[in-house]
Amino acid sequence: MKTLVTAAVLFLFAGNAFGIEISWMYVQHRKYETCRQVNRLAFGLIDEKMD
């Protein structure tokens, strides 16, 4: 039973970590209507104008 609980907790942790990573990737790579792409590096914003 202890092994089953440990496996379930690890599975839930891995699933949550994967979901957070996917969400963060979306935040990093989204494009805005002003035709700028915002890259978040070390919690700083760098705006790059698109040609």
Protein backbone atom coordinates (compact mmCIF):
# COMPACT_ATOMS: atom_id res chain seq x y z
CA MET A 1 0.00 0.00 0.00
CA LYS A 2 2.86 2.35 0.84
CA THR A 3 4.38 1.77 -2.60
CA LEU A 4 1.06 2.52 -4.29
CA VAL A 5 0.66 5.80 -2.40
CA THR A 6 4.25 6.80 -3.21
CA ALA A 7 3.75 6.02 -6.89
CA ALA A 8 0.49 8.01 -6.97
CA VAL A 9 2.12 11.03 -5.32
CA LEU A 10 5.06 10.94 -7.74
CA PHE A 11 2.69 10.62 -10.71
CA LEU A 12 0.64 13.62 -9.55
CA PHE A 13 3.79 15.68 -8.97
CA ALA A 14 5.14 14.84 -12.44
CA GLY A 15 1.78 15.69 -14.05
CA ASN A 16 1.60 19.05 -12.29
CA ALA A 17 5.20 19.89 -13.18
CA PHE A 18 4.53 19.03 -16.83
CA GLY A 19 1.41 21.22 -16.88
CA ILE A 20 3.28 24.15 -15.37
CA GLU A 21 6.08 23.76 -17.93
CA ILE A 22 3.61 23.78 -20.84
CA SER A 23 1.91 26.89 -19.42
CA TRP A 24 5.23 28.67 -18.99
CA MET A 25 6.26 27.81 -22.56
CA TYR A 26 3.01 29.38 -23.77
CA VAL A 27 3.77 32.57 -21.82
CA GLN A 28 7.29 32.72 -23.22
CA HIS A 29 6.32 32.34 -26.87
CA ARG A 30 2.98 34.11 -27.25
CA LYS A 31 2.64 36.86 -29.82
CA TYR A 32 0.77 40.08 -29.21
CA GLU A 33 -1.51 42.03 -31.56
CA THR A 34 1.09 44.81 -31.75
CA CYS A 35 3.29 42.39 -33.74
CA ARG A 36 5.83 42.05 -30.94
CA GLN A 37 7.09 38.87 -29.46
CA VAL A 38 7.93 38.92 -25.79
CA ASN A 39 10.66 36.60 -24.54
CA ARG A 40 10.90 36.19 -20.80
CA LEU A 41 14.47 35.53 -19.77
CA ALA A 42 15.36 35.42 -16.08
CA PHE A 43 12.06 37.19 -15.30
CA GLY A 44 13.04 40.13 -17.52
CA LEU A 45 11.18 41.24 -20.59
CA ILE A 46 12.90 41.73 -23.92
CA ASP A 47 10.68 43.10 -26.68
CA GLU A 48 11.67 42.28 -30.22
CA LYS A 49 10.00 44.15 -33.08
CA MET A 50 8.99 42.00 -36.01
CA ASP A 51 9.70 43.12 -39.55
